[in-house]
Protein backbone atom coordinates (compact mmCIF):
# COMPACT_ATOMS: atom_id res chain seq x y z
CA MET A 1 90.79 33.76 131.91
CA LYS A 2 93.73 32.52 129.87
CA ASP A 3 91.91 33.10 126.57
CA SER A 4 90.93 36.63 127.65
CA ARG A 5 94.57 37.44 128.47
CA SER A 6 95.75 36.06 125.11
CA LYS A 7 93.22 38.17 123.29
CA THR A 8 94.37 41.25 125.19
CA VAL A 9 98.02 40.58 124.29
CA CYS A 10 97.12 39.99 120.64
CA ALA A 11 95.08 43.19 120.52
CA PHE A 12 97.95 45.17 122.07
CA ALA A 13 100.39 43.75 119.56
CA ALA A 14 98.12 44.64 116.68
CA LEU A 15 97.87 48.18 118.03
CA ILE A 16 101.66 48.45 118.08
CA VAL A 17 101.83 47.33 114.48
CA LEU A 18 99.19 49.84 113.48
CA LEU A 19 101.03 52.64 115.26
CA ALA A 20 104.20 51.70 113.45
CA ILE A 21 102.58 52.12 110.02
CA PRO A 22 102.56 55.78 108.86
CA LEU A 23 99.24 57.23 107.85
CA HIS A 24 98.74 57.83 104.16
CA GLY A 25 100.72 60.90 103.04
CA GLN A 26 102.44 61.30 106.42
CA ILE A 27 106.21 62.12 106.27
CA VAL A 28 108.33 60.30 108.81
CA THR A 29 111.85 61.37 107.74
CA PRO A 30 113.30 63.87 110.30
CA GLY A 31 113.25 67.45 109.12
CA VAL A 32 110.87 66.81 106.23
CA THR A 33 107.22 67.86 105.98
CA ASP A 34 104.83 68.17 103.01
CA THR A 35 105.96 71.79 102.57
CA SER A 36 109.55 72.07 103.88
CA ILE A 37 113.04 70.49 104.19
CA GLN A 38 114.91 71.73 107.23
CA ILE A 39 118.73 72.12 107.04
CA GLY A 40 120.75 73.03 110.13
CA SER A 41 124.15 74.70 110.36
CA CYS A 42 126.76 75.47 112.98
CA SER A 43 129.21 77.97 111.52
CA ALA A 44 131.67 80.80 112.33
CA LEU A 45 129.25 83.69 112.71
CA THR A 46 131.50 85.46 115.29
CA GLY A 47 135.23 85.51 115.99
CA THR A 48 138.31 85.64 113.79
CA ALA A 49 136.70 83.73 110.96
CA SER A 50 133.21 85.31 111.02
CA PHE A 51 133.54 86.71 107.50
CA LEU A 52 133.91 83.13 106.26
CA GLY A 53 130.81 81.90 108.11
CA MET A 54 128.62 84.85 107.11
CA GLN A 55 129.68 84.70 103.47
CA THR A 56 129.05 80.94 103.25
CA GLN A 57 125.58 81.48 104.59
CA ILE A 58 124.89 84.39 102.21
CA GLY A 59 125.77 82.20 99.25
CA ALA A 60 123.70 79.23 100.42
CA LEU A 61 120.65 81.38 101.29
CA ALA A 62 120.86 83.15 97.89
CA TYR A 63 120.52 79.78 96.07
CA PHE A 64 117.80 78.46 98.39
CA HIS A 65 115.73 81.62 97.95
CA MET A 66 115.92 81.14 94.20
CA VAL A 67 114.92 77.47 94.44
CA ASN A 68 112.04 78.27 96.82
CA ALA A 69 110.79 81.08 94.60
CA ASP A 70 110.52 78.51 91.81
CA GLY A 71 108.42 76.17 93.98
CA GLY A 72 111.08 74.37 95.99
CA VAL A 73 111.93 70.69 95.53
CA TYR A 74 108.79 68.63 94.86
CA GLY A 75 106.75 71.40 96.45
CA ARG A 76 108.95 71.65 99.55
CA LYS A 77 110.78 74.81 100.47
CA ILE A 78 114.40 74.46 101.72
CA GLU A 79 114.81 76.21 105.08
CA LEU A 80 118.27 76.88 106.46
CA GLN A 81 118.60 77.61 110.16
CA MET A 82 121.97 78.91 111.39
CA SER A 83 123.74 78.56 114.72
CA ASP A 84 127.10 80.02 115.79
CA ASP A 85 130.14 78.01 116.98
CA GLY A 86 132.60 80.92 116.82
CA TYR A 87 135.13 78.74 114.86
CA ASP A 88 135.88 77.10 118.20
CA ALA A 89 136.04 73.29 118.45
CA ASP A 90 135.16 73.52 122.17
CA ASN A 91 131.68 74.78 121.09
CA ALA A 92 131.05 72.02 118.58
CA ALA A 93 129.46 69.35 120.81
CA ALA A 94 126.86 71.81 122.28
CA CYS A 95 126.06 73.21 118.87
CA PHE A 96 125.65 69.69 117.42
CA GLU A 97 123.32 68.63 120.25
CA LYS A 98 121.24 71.68 119.58
CA LEU A 99 120.91 70.68 115.94
CA LYS A 100 120.28 67.06 116.81
CA LYS A 101 117.35 67.98 119.10
CA GLN A 102 115.77 70.15 116.37
CA ARG A 103 115.75 67.03 114.10
CA PHE A 104 117.01 68.59 110.88
CA PHE A 105 116.96 66.48 107.72
CA ALA A 106 120.62 67.38 107.01
CA LEU A 107 123.41 69.63 108.13
CA GLY A 108 125.60 71.90 106.07
CA PHE A 109 127.65 75.02 105.46
CA PHE A 110 130.28 74.56 108.19
CA VAL A 111 133.53 76.43 108.38
CA GLY A 112 136.99 75.10 109.24
CA ALA A 113 138.76 71.85 109.93
CA PRO A 114 139.02 72.17 113.76
CA THR A 115 135.23 72.29 114.12
CA ALA A 116 134.50 69.95 111.21
CA SER A 117 136.70 67.29 112.77
CA LYS A 118 134.29 67.31 115.71
CA TYR A 119 131.05 67.47 113.70
CA MET A 120 131.75 64.82 111.15
CA PRO A 121 132.06 61.80 113.50
CA MET A 122 128.92 62.94 115.36
CA ALA A 123 126.95 63.26 112.07
CA GLU A 124 128.19 59.89 110.94
CA ALA A 125 127.19 58.25 114.22
CA GLU A 126 123.73 59.77 114.07
CA LYS A 127 123.37 59.03 110.34
CA ILE A 128 122.63 62.67 109.50
CA PRO A 129 123.90 63.86 106.11
CA LEU A 130 126.43 66.67 106.29
CA LEU A 131 127.25 68.57 103.09
CA GLY A 132 129.43 71.58 102.51
CA ILE A 133 132.45 72.32 104.69
CA PHE A 134 134.61 75.34 104.02
CA THR A 135 137.97 73.63 104.38
CA GLY A 136 140.20 71.48 102.23
CA ALA A 137 141.94 69.73 105.08
CA GLU A 138 142.50 65.98 104.64
CA VAL A 139 140.45 65.28 107.77
CA VAL A 140 137.30 65.88 105.72
CA TYR A 141 138.29 63.34 103.10
CA GLU A 142 139.99 60.61 105.20
CA PRO A 143 138.64 58.40 106.52
CA PHE A 144 135.77 58.04 104.11
CA ARG A 145 132.36 58.73 105.77
CA HIS A 146 129.11 57.59 104.24
CA PHE A 147 127.14 60.60 105.51
CA VAL A 148 129.71 63.37 104.84
CA ILE A 149 129.72 65.02 101.44
CA THR A 150 132.38 67.54 100.38
CA VAL A 151 132.38 69.75 97.28
CA ARG A 152 135.67 71.70 97.03
CA SER A 153 139.20 70.70 96.09
CA SER A 154 141.65 69.83 98.82
CA TYR A 155 144.54 71.79 100.39
CA PHE A 156 146.87 69.20 98.91
CA GLU A 157 145.70 70.21 95.47
CA GLU A 158 145.99 73.88 96.25
CA SER A 159 149.49 73.48 97.75
CA ARG A 160 150.67 71.53 94.72
CA GLU A 161 149.34 74.27 92.35
CA GLN A 162 151.32 76.91 94.30
CA VAL A 163 154.60 75.02 94.78
CA ASP A 164 154.83 73.60 91.30
CA ASN A 165 154.28 77.00 89.63
CA ILE A 166 156.61 79.08 91.74
CA TRP A 167 159.25 76.39 91.46
CA GLN A 168 158.97 75.68 87.71
CA GLU A 169 157.81 79.01 86.38
CA ARG A 170 159.46 81.48 88.72
CA GLY A 171 162.54 79.58 89.81
CA VAL A 172 161.76 79.88 93.53
CA ARG A 173 163.70 77.39 95.64
CA ARG A 174 163.59 78.65 99.23
CA ILE A 175 160.02 78.07 100.41
CA ALA A 176 158.74 78.46 103.99
CA VAL A 177 155.43 77.96 105.76
CA ILE A 178 153.62 79.90 108.48
CA HIS A 179 150.49 78.05 109.61
CA GLN A 180 147.86 78.17 112.28
CA GLU A 181 148.14 75.38 114.87
CA ASP A 182 145.12 73.24 114.06
CA ALA A 183 143.97 70.51 111.72
CA ALA A 184 143.82 72.84 108.72
CA GLY A 185 147.24 74.32 109.31
CA HIS A 186 148.79 70.92 109.67
CA SER A 187 147.06 69.73 106.50
CA VAL A 188 148.38 72.74 104.55
CA LEU A 189 151.87 72.15 105.95
CA GLU A 190 151.73 68.47 104.91
CA GLY A 191 150.53 69.46 101.47
CA VAL A 192 153.32 71.95 100.97
CA LEU A 193 156.03 69.60 102.20
CA ARG A 194 154.72 66.86 99.89
CA ALA A 195 154.67 69.29 96.94
CA ILE A 196 158.27 70.47 97.73
CA SER A 197 159.46 66.85 98.04
CA ARG A 198 158.32 66.20 94.48
CA HIS A 199 161.18 68.56 93.49
CA GLN A 200 163.68 66.69 95.75
CA ALA A 201 163.78 69.56 98.23
CA VAL A 202 162.61 70.56 101.72
CA SER A 203 161.12 73.63 103.31
CA VAL A 204 163.64 76.11 104.65
CA ALA A 205 161.54 77.00 107.73
CA VAL A 206 158.17 76.45 109.43
CA GLY A 207 156.54 78.78 111.86
CA SER A 208 153.12 78.54 113.59
CA PHE A 209 150.66 80.56 115.68
CA ALA A 210 147.83 79.46 117.97
CA HIS A 211 144.33 78.77 116.65
CA ASN A 212 142.11 81.81 116.77
CA SER A 213 145.03 84.02 117.75
CA LEU A 214 146.71 87.15 116.33
CA GLU A 215 149.95 86.40 118.17
CA VAL A 216 152.07 85.90 115.07
CA ASP A 217 155.33 87.66 115.87
CA GLU A 218 157.36 84.59 116.92
CA ALA A 219 156.30 82.75 113.73
CA ILE A 220 157.42 85.72 111.59
CA LYS A 221 160.73 85.97 113.40
CA LYS A 222 161.55 82.29 113.06
CA VAL A 223 160.69 82.13 109.39
CA ARG A 224 162.35 85.42 108.44
CA GLU A 225 165.67 84.24 109.83
CA ALA A 226 165.78 81.45 107.22
CA LYS A 227 165.58 84.08 104.38
CA PRO A 228 162.94 82.37 102.29
CA GLU A 229 162.02 83.63 98.83
CA ALA A 230 158.39 82.61 99.23
CA VAL A 231 156.20 82.07 102.32
CA ILE A 232 152.95 80.09 102.16
CA LEU A 233 150.47 81.21 104.80
CA ALA A 234 147.74 78.93 106.24
CA GLY A 235 144.94 80.39 108.31
CA PRO A 236 141.91 82.70 108.18
CA TYR A 237 142.14 86.35 107.07
CA ALA A 238 142.59 88.00 110.48
CA PRO A 239 145.95 86.47 111.52
CA LEU A 240 147.15 86.48 107.95
CA ALA A 241 146.44 90.19 107.71
CA ALA A 242 148.50 90.65 110.92
CA ILE A 243 151.39 88.73 109.41
CA LEU A 244 151.32 90.81 106.26
CA LYS A 245 151.10 94.19 108.03
CA ARG A 246 153.82 93.41 110.64
CA SER A 247 156.18 91.86 108.02
CA HIS A 248 155.92 94.77 105.63
CA ALA A 249 156.25 97.30 108.46
CA ALA A 250 159.52 95.60 109.38
CA GLY A 251 160.76 95.79 105.82
CA TRP A 252 160.30 92.07 105.00
CA HIS A 253 158.81 91.40 101.54
CA PRO A 254 159.08 87.82 100.40
CA LEU A 255 156.49 86.44 97.88
CA PHE A 256 153.48 85.66 100.13
CA LEU A 257 150.99 83.03 99.12
CA SER A 258 147.85 81.76 100.78
CA LEU A 259 145.17 79.14 100.22
CA SER A 260 141.43 79.67 99.70
CA PHE A 261 140.63 79.49 103.45
CA ALA A 262 142.11 82.92 103.91
CA GLY A 263 138.88 84.38 102.54
CA THR A 264 140.18 86.65 99.83
CA GLU A 265 137.84 89.61 100.27
CA GLY A 266 138.16 89.39 104.05
CA LEU A 267 141.96 89.47 103.72
CA ILE A 268 141.82 92.48 101.39
CA ARG A 269 139.55 94.32 103.84
CA ALA A 270 141.69 93.45 106.88
CA ALA A 271 145.16 93.95 105.36
CA GLY A 272 144.44 96.83 102.99
CA GLU A 273 147.41 97.74 100.83
CA ASP A 274 149.46 95.09 102.52
CA ALA A 275 147.45 92.40 100.75
CA ASP A 276 148.69 93.62 97.41
CA GLY A 277 150.85 91.00 95.62
CA VAL A 278 149.62 88.01 97.73
CA ILE A 279 148.89 84.95 95.55
CA ILE A 280 145.76 83.05 96.62
CA THR A 281 144.53 79.77 95.20
CA GLN A 282 140.70 79.49 94.76
CA VAL A 283 138.46 76.42 94.55
CA VAL A 284 135.71 78.05 92.49
CA PRO A 285 136.06 80.09 89.25
CA PRO A 286 136.43 83.94 89.62
CA TYR A 287 133.08 85.58 90.16
CA ASP A 288 133.65 88.08 87.34
CA ARG A 289 133.29 85.12 84.86
CA THR A 290 129.69 85.96 84.09
CA ASP A 291 130.10 84.07 80.81
CA LEU A 292 129.68 80.97 82.95
CA PRO A 293 125.98 80.19 83.56
CA THR A 294 126.27 79.55 87.33
CA ILE A 295 128.36 82.64 87.95
CA LYS A 296 125.73 84.72 86.16
CA LEU A 297 123.01 82.98 88.20
CA TYR A 298 124.96 83.64 91.42
CA ARG A 299 125.33 87.33 90.66
CA GLU A 300 121.63 87.67 89.86
CA ALA A 301 120.61 85.82 93.03
CA LEU A 302 122.77 88.03 95.26
CA GLU A 303 121.18 91.10 93.68
CA LYS A 304 117.60 89.82 93.90
CA TYR A 305 117.52 87.94 97.19
CA MET A 306 120.44 89.21 99.31
CA GLY A 307 120.07 92.97 98.94
CA GLY A 308 122.76 93.29 96.33
CA ALA A 309 125.45 91.81 98.61
CA ALA A 310 128.99 92.12 97.16
CA PRO A 311 130.24 88.86 95.55
CA SER A 312 133.04 86.92 97.17
CA PHE A 313 134.80 83.63 96.50
CA VAL A 314 133.47 82.42 99.88
CA SER A 315 129.83 83.15 99.17
CA LEU A 316 130.16 81.67 95.70
CA GLU A 317 131.40 78.45 97.29
CA GLY A 318 128.43 78.46 99.58
CA PHE A 319 126.14 79.00 96.56
CA VAL A 320 127.68 76.05 94.77
CA ASP A 321 127.45 73.86 97.89
CA ALA A 322 123.74 74.69 98.08
CA MET A 323 123.40 73.78 94.41
CA VAL A 324 124.86 70.32 95.05
CA LEU A 325 122.72 69.79 98.10
CA THR A 326 119.59 70.67 96.05
CA GLU A 327 120.64 68.39 93.22
CA GLY A 328 120.91 65.53 95.73
CA LEU A 329 117.36 66.29 96.99
CA LYS A 330 116.01 66.31 93.46
CA ARG A 331 117.68 62.98 92.68
CA ALA A 332 116.35 61.47 95.92
CA GLY A 333 112.79 61.79 94.67
CA LYS A 334 109.57 62.89 96.30
CA ASP A 335 109.68 60.17 98.96
CA LEU A 336 112.71 61.73 100.56
CA THR A 337 114.87 59.82 103.05
CA ARG A 338 118.42 60.43 104.17
CA GLU A 339 119.69 57.27 102.41
CA LYS A 340 117.96 58.26 99.18
CA PHE A 341 119.63 61.69 99.44
CA ILE A 342 123.09 60.11 99.83
CA SER A 343 122.33 57.77 96.88
CA GLY A 344 121.21 60.80 94.87
CA ILE A 345 124.50 62.53 95.50
CA GLU A 346 126.42 59.37 94.63
CA SER A 347 124.60 59.15 91.35
CA ILE A 348 126.16 62.44 90.07
CA HIS A 349 128.85 61.64 87.53
CA ASP A 350 130.87 64.25 85.51
CA GLN A 351 127.98 66.67 85.64
CA ASP A 352 128.35 70.07 84.03
CA VAL A 353 127.13 72.53 86.64
CA GLY A 354 127.73 75.72 84.71
CA LEU A 355 131.23 76.43 86.02
CA GLY A 356 133.23 75.52 82.95
CA PRO A 357 134.89 72.33 81.72
CA LYS A 358 137.38 72.32 84.65
CA PHE A 359 134.52 71.94 87.15
CA LEU A 360 132.63 68.78 86.37
CA LEU A 361 130.87 67.46 89.49
CA ASN A 362 131.72 63.81 90.17
CA TYR A 363 130.64 61.52 93.03
CA GLY A 364 130.30 57.83 93.64
CA PRO A 365 129.75 55.23 96.38
CA LYS A 366 133.37 55.62 97.45
CA ARG A 367 133.94 59.18 96.31
CA HIS A 368 132.26 61.95 98.26
CA LYS A 369 134.41 64.83 96.94
CA GLY A 370 132.94 66.80 94.08
CA PHE A 371 135.73 68.85 92.47
CA ASP A 372 139.51 68.55 91.99
CA SER A 373 140.21 71.89 90.20
CA VAL A 374 142.02 74.98 91.40
CA TYR A 375 142.28 78.56 90.14
CA ALA A 376 145.16 80.93 91.00
CA THR A 377 144.75 84.60 91.66
CA ILE A 378 146.92 87.50 92.77
CA ILE A 379 145.69 90.59 94.65
CA ARG A 380 146.30 93.78 92.66
CA ASN A 381 144.89 97.15 93.73
CA GLY A 382 142.38 95.65 96.13
CA ARG A 383 140.99 92.93 93.90
CA ALA A 384 141.82 89.35 92.99
CA VAL A 385 143.14 88.97 89.40
CA THR A 386 143.30 85.56 87.72
CA ILE A 387 146.84 84.30 87.03
CA THR A 388 147.13 83.00 83.46
CA ASP A 389 150.92 83.17 83.26
CA TRP A 390 153.03 82.58 86.40
CA LYS A 391 156.19 83.81 84.70
CA ASN A 392 154.60 87.20 84.01
CA LEU A 393 152.26 87.95 86.92
CA PRO A 394 149.76 90.81 86.49
CA ALA A 395 151.50 94.15 87.14
CA LYS A 396 150.41 96.53 89.90
């Protein structure tokens, strides 16, 4: 009886071992099959930042369509499935749980620091790679997270570009900030204050408005009273357009500047003529630089796969994010795992990705931020014009 029971236990143990060994050719990595790689996204597809979410997705899909048309990555097509969080941090947990249950290989193409600050710890805890976040807030860089990969330059780098140039090249001394009350707005504020302190000065005024709100009048009033020469705006296009329209209507015309998160084309559409003269820093090259191979490829992909969608700085950033994600998949090899993907990304050093010598992609085991470069543009007659000389800005 005892021998029979021992044989049964041994047989059961052997069965467990057999079940634990994958069949030949079977893929066990979540979100990966012989024919596809599943990527999930929670993004701002509705609400005050919906232009940013939609454009990010357009750029990413344009690149993935192109890759898939060429056979995919080791024969696997990249499939991106989108969900909406409305740029609302309160929706983040539910949206992440939805993605987690669908067992995607990786997550990507998120918008905004308030939501990203919720998603990143959850992705890190679940060991799910997350690549591509449309924000330069410090919260996406610090603390370092093994499974979180960023591509763009930071708000600190954008703020320094703005402050140093208006201070040194235009002689501006009285600088104020109006920011959205959230992680992104606070990060921009800190970046601006740091940049000003490099010139042994302080900001003359700081105003703020609630996240996802167009109630900007109190912020305008507070800052205007300090009589600044320049005002740096931090937020998405909708509230920034309200600031510009209401300020100009009241006869207030300081030099307005904004960071890339504004969504240049969204701001132009929302503010109309009131956007003219606003300086906006960008974290990708201008999309009229078709002499750059990746810009040319981006424009062709929009035309071929996205119904000729109009180019934008935001969709170009999504396109570049998708390019980086795909490069990581290629470097991971055919036997794809999440750790091999992270190692693949970390193996990218000073890679020319067709965006010019300023934009060499650089990662490492303790560096998950791809670029450090910033472009400056000014809106003139409804389009963003590259600034090559801050002393002599392009005329209207």
